Amino acid sequence: MILAVDDVCPENLKYWKYVEEIHDEYPNLKIIAFVIANFKYEQNVSNSEIFKDWYSKFKDWVEVGVHGYDHLSPPEQERKDARYFVEKSLKILNPFLPKEFVYRPPGHQRTVKTELMLKELGFAGIAYQSKLKYFKGGGDYFINSHCSNLYFNPVVNWKNFLKQI
């Protein structure tokens, strides 16, 4: 089982203490942090010492995934220049990404062109609502959470939604 943590950005790292608790209780649980490259055009993670410190501390047990560029509306994949934003995300996130990295569309929005674009850009897969699809075949189911106290399965309520594992 995998825990996907969406909306990771400098502003939301105050909620990461809950992910640390999860790791303490479930040390073998794979955790993917889906990072917003430049949240609201204000939090470019490559320029953030807070993010760099976070990455240095947790890189041994957290895999970084791409969760878009700015996390604004309309969602990235609904924009006519979606590829441009994914490429901008990659430029920023590249130093933090594993060899085989995955994409989680902001707002879970995608089009029929999304997977082809991701393959062309070198992504290994895409995370849908509760399944990670690898382009070379196969996939994994996961629990979706948010690095916040809002939305569906906020990480602050982890004890409730991880009862299922």
Protein backbone atom coordinates (compact mmCIF):
# COMPACT_ATOMS: atom_id res chain seq x y z
CA MET A 1 0.00 0.00 0.00
CA ILE A 2 1.10 3.55 -0.73
CA LEU A 3 0.18 6.82 0.95
CA ALA A 4 -0.06 9.70 -1.52
CA VAL A 5 0.25 13.11 0.11
CA ASP A 6 -1.04 15.86 -2.20
CA ASP A 7 -0.49 19.61 -1.98
CA VAL A 8 3.02 19.52 -0.55
CA CYS A 9 4.48 23.03 -0.68
CA PRO A 10 6.37 25.26 1.78
CA GLU A 11 3.13 26.70 3.19
CA ASN A 12 1.74 23.23 3.96
CA LEU A 13 4.88 21.67 5.41
CA LYS A 14 3.61 22.59 8.90
CA TYR A 15 1.34 19.54 8.49
CA TRP A 16 4.23 17.19 7.67
CA LYS A 17 4.53 16.25 11.37
CA TYR A 18 1.49 14.04 10.81
CA VAL A 19 3.25 12.21 7.98
CA GLU A 20 6.17 11.64 10.36
CA GLU A 21 3.72 10.05 12.81
CA ILE A 22 2.43 7.81 10.02
CA HIS A 23 5.98 6.78 9.17
CA ASP A 24 6.71 6.02 12.84
CA GLU A 25 3.65 3.76 13.06
CA TYR A 26 3.93 2.25 9.55
CA PRO A 27 7.65 2.37 8.67
CA ASN A 28 7.21 0.11 5.61
CA LEU A 29 4.43 2.20 4.07
CA LYS A 30 5.63 3.82 0.85
CA ILE A 31 4.96 7.56 0.87
CA ILE A 32 4.81 9.75 -2.22
CA ALA A 33 4.76 13.50 -1.61
CA PHE A 34 3.10 15.20 -4.57
CA VAL A 35 4.77 18.61 -4.62
CA ILE A 36 3.39 21.82 -6.10
CA ALA A 37 6.35 23.43 -7.88
CA ASN A 38 5.38 27.10 -7.38
CA PHE A 39 2.21 27.31 -5.28
CA LYS A 40 0.15 30.35 -6.29
CA TYR A 41 3.25 31.73 -8.07
CA GLU A 42 4.60 32.53 -4.59
CA GLN A 43 6.36 29.40 -3.33
CA ASN A 44 8.93 28.17 -5.84
CA VAL A 45 10.34 25.15 -4.01
CA SER A 46 13.75 25.42 -5.68
CA ASN A 47 14.17 28.82 -3.97
CA SER A 48 12.73 27.76 -0.62
CA GLU A 49 15.16 26.93 2.18
CA ILE A 50 12.21 25.48 4.11
CA PHE A 51 11.52 23.04 1.28
CA LYS A 52 15.20 22.20 0.74
CA ASP A 53 15.59 21.44 4.46
CA TRP A 54 12.44 19.29 4.34
CA TYR A 55 13.77 17.38 1.34
CA SER A 56 17.17 16.80 2.96
CA LYS A 57 15.54 15.46 6.11
CA PHE A 58 13.00 13.13 4.47
CA LYS A 59 14.44 12.08 1.10
CA ASP A 60 15.45 8.65 2.40
CA TRP A 61 11.85 7.54 2.99
CA VAL A 62 9.71 9.88 0.89
CA GLU A 63 9.43 9.82 -2.89
CA VAL A 64 8.71 13.18 -4.55
CA GLY A 65 6.10 13.32 -7.30
CA VAL A 66 4.88 16.22 -9.43
CA HIS A 67 1.58 17.88 -8.49
CA GLY A 68 1.63 20.67 -11.01
CA TYR A 69 2.99 24.15 -11.20
CA ASP A 70 0.76 26.62 -9.37
CA HIS A 71 -2.37 24.78 -8.13
CA LEU A 72 -4.65 27.56 -9.36
CA SER A 73 -7.90 27.36 -11.32
CA PRO A 74 -8.57 26.20 -13.89
CA PRO A 75 -6.63 23.02 -13.07
CA GLU A 76 -3.43 22.65 -15.06
CA GLN A 77 -4.63 19.90 -17.40
CA GLU A 78 -7.71 21.91 -18.40
CA ARG A 79 -5.54 24.75 -19.71
CA LYS A 80 -4.67 24.93 -23.38
CA ASP A 81 -0.99 25.37 -22.42
CA ALA A 82 -0.95 22.42 -19.99
CA ARG A 83 2.34 21.06 -21.34
CA TYR A 84 4.05 24.39 -20.68
CA PHE A 85 3.09 24.21 -17.00
CA VAL A 86 4.17 20.59 -16.63
CA GLU A 87 7.53 21.48 -18.20
CA LYS A 88 7.91 24.42 -15.80
CA SER A 89 7.14 22.07 -12.91
CA LEU A 90 9.81 19.64 -14.09
CA LYS A 91 12.42 22.40 -14.33
CA ILE A 92 11.81 23.33 -10.71
CA LEU A 93 11.32 19.85 -9.26
CA ASN A 94 14.00 17.98 -11.22
CA PRO A 95 16.66 18.11 -8.44
CA PHE A 96 14.22 16.46 -6.03
CA LEU A 97 12.71 13.79 -8.27
CA PRO A 98 13.65 10.09 -8.23
CA LYS A 99 14.86 8.38 -11.40
CA GLU A 100 11.31 7.26 -12.20
CA PHE A 101 8.87 9.98 -11.21
CA VAL A 102 5.09 10.24 -11.38
CA TYR A 103 2.50 12.95 -11.89
CA ARG A 104 -0.64 13.67 -9.93
CA PRO A 105 -2.94 16.09 -11.80
CA PRO A 106 -4.06 19.00 -9.64
CA GLY A 107 -7.75 18.59 -8.92
CA HIS A 108 -7.51 15.08 -10.47
CA GLN A 109 -8.29 16.78 -13.79
CA ARG A 110 -6.83 15.36 -16.99
CA THR A 111 -7.63 15.07 -20.68
CA VAL A 112 -7.16 12.37 -23.28
CA LYS A 113 -3.80 14.04 -24.08
CA THR A 114 -2.39 13.98 -20.54
CA GLU A 115 -0.87 10.49 -20.52
CA LEU A 116 0.78 10.89 -23.93
CA MET A 117 2.27 14.22 -22.88
CA LEU A 118 3.61 12.73 -19.63
CA LYS A 119 5.19 9.82 -21.50
CA GLU A 120 6.86 12.25 -23.92
CA LEU A 121 8.24 14.22 -20.97
CA GLY A 122 9.73 11.13 -19.31
CA PHE A 123 7.25 10.45 -16.52
CA ALA A 124 7.02 6.86 -15.29
CA GLY A 125 3.32 7.08 -14.48
CA ILE A 126 0.27 8.98 -13.37
CA ALA A 127 -1.64 8.87 -10.10
CA TYR A 128 -5.39 8.86 -10.47
CA GLN A 129 -7.91 9.05 -7.62
CA SER A 130 -6.75 5.88 -5.86
CA LYS A 131 -4.50 4.08 -8.33
CA LEU A 132 -1.01 4.72 -9.58
CA LYS A 133 -0.68 3.66 -13.21
CA TYR A 134 2.81 2.92 -14.53
CA PHE A 135 3.28 3.49 -18.25
CA LYS A 136 5.45 0.38 -18.60
CA GLY A 137 2.61 -1.67 -17.12
CA GLY A 138 1.17 -2.42 -13.73
CA GLY A 139 0.07 -0.17 -10.96
CA ASP A 140 -0.49 0.22 -7.25
CA TYR A 141 -3.47 1.19 -5.16
CA PHE A 142 -2.98 3.92 -2.62
CA ILE A 143 -4.65 6.02 0.00
CA ASN A 144 -4.95 9.64 -1.03
CA SER A 145 -4.36 12.31 1.59
CA HIS A 146 -3.70 16.03 1.58
CA CYS A 147 -0.88 17.85 3.35
CA SER A 148 -3.39 20.10 5.06
CA ASN A 149 -6.28 20.18 7.47
CA LEU A 150 -8.75 20.49 4.59
CA TYR A 151 -10.08 18.48 1.65
CA PHE A 152 -10.62 14.74 1.39
CA ASN A 153 -8.50 12.75 3.87
CA PRO A 154 -6.52 15.64 5.37
CA VAL A 155 -3.30 14.29 6.84
CA VAL A 156 -4.27 15.65 10.27
CA ASN A 157 -6.93 12.89 10.40
CA TRP A 158 -4.55 10.10 9.39
CA LYS A 159 -5.55 7.73 12.18
CA ASN A 160 -9.07 7.56 10.75
CA PHE A 161 -8.22 6.95 7.11
CA LEU A 162 -5.32 4.56 7.71
CA LYS A 163 -7.48 2.15 9.68
CA GLN A 164 -8.11 0.41 6.37
CA ILE A 165 -4.55 -0.95 6.05
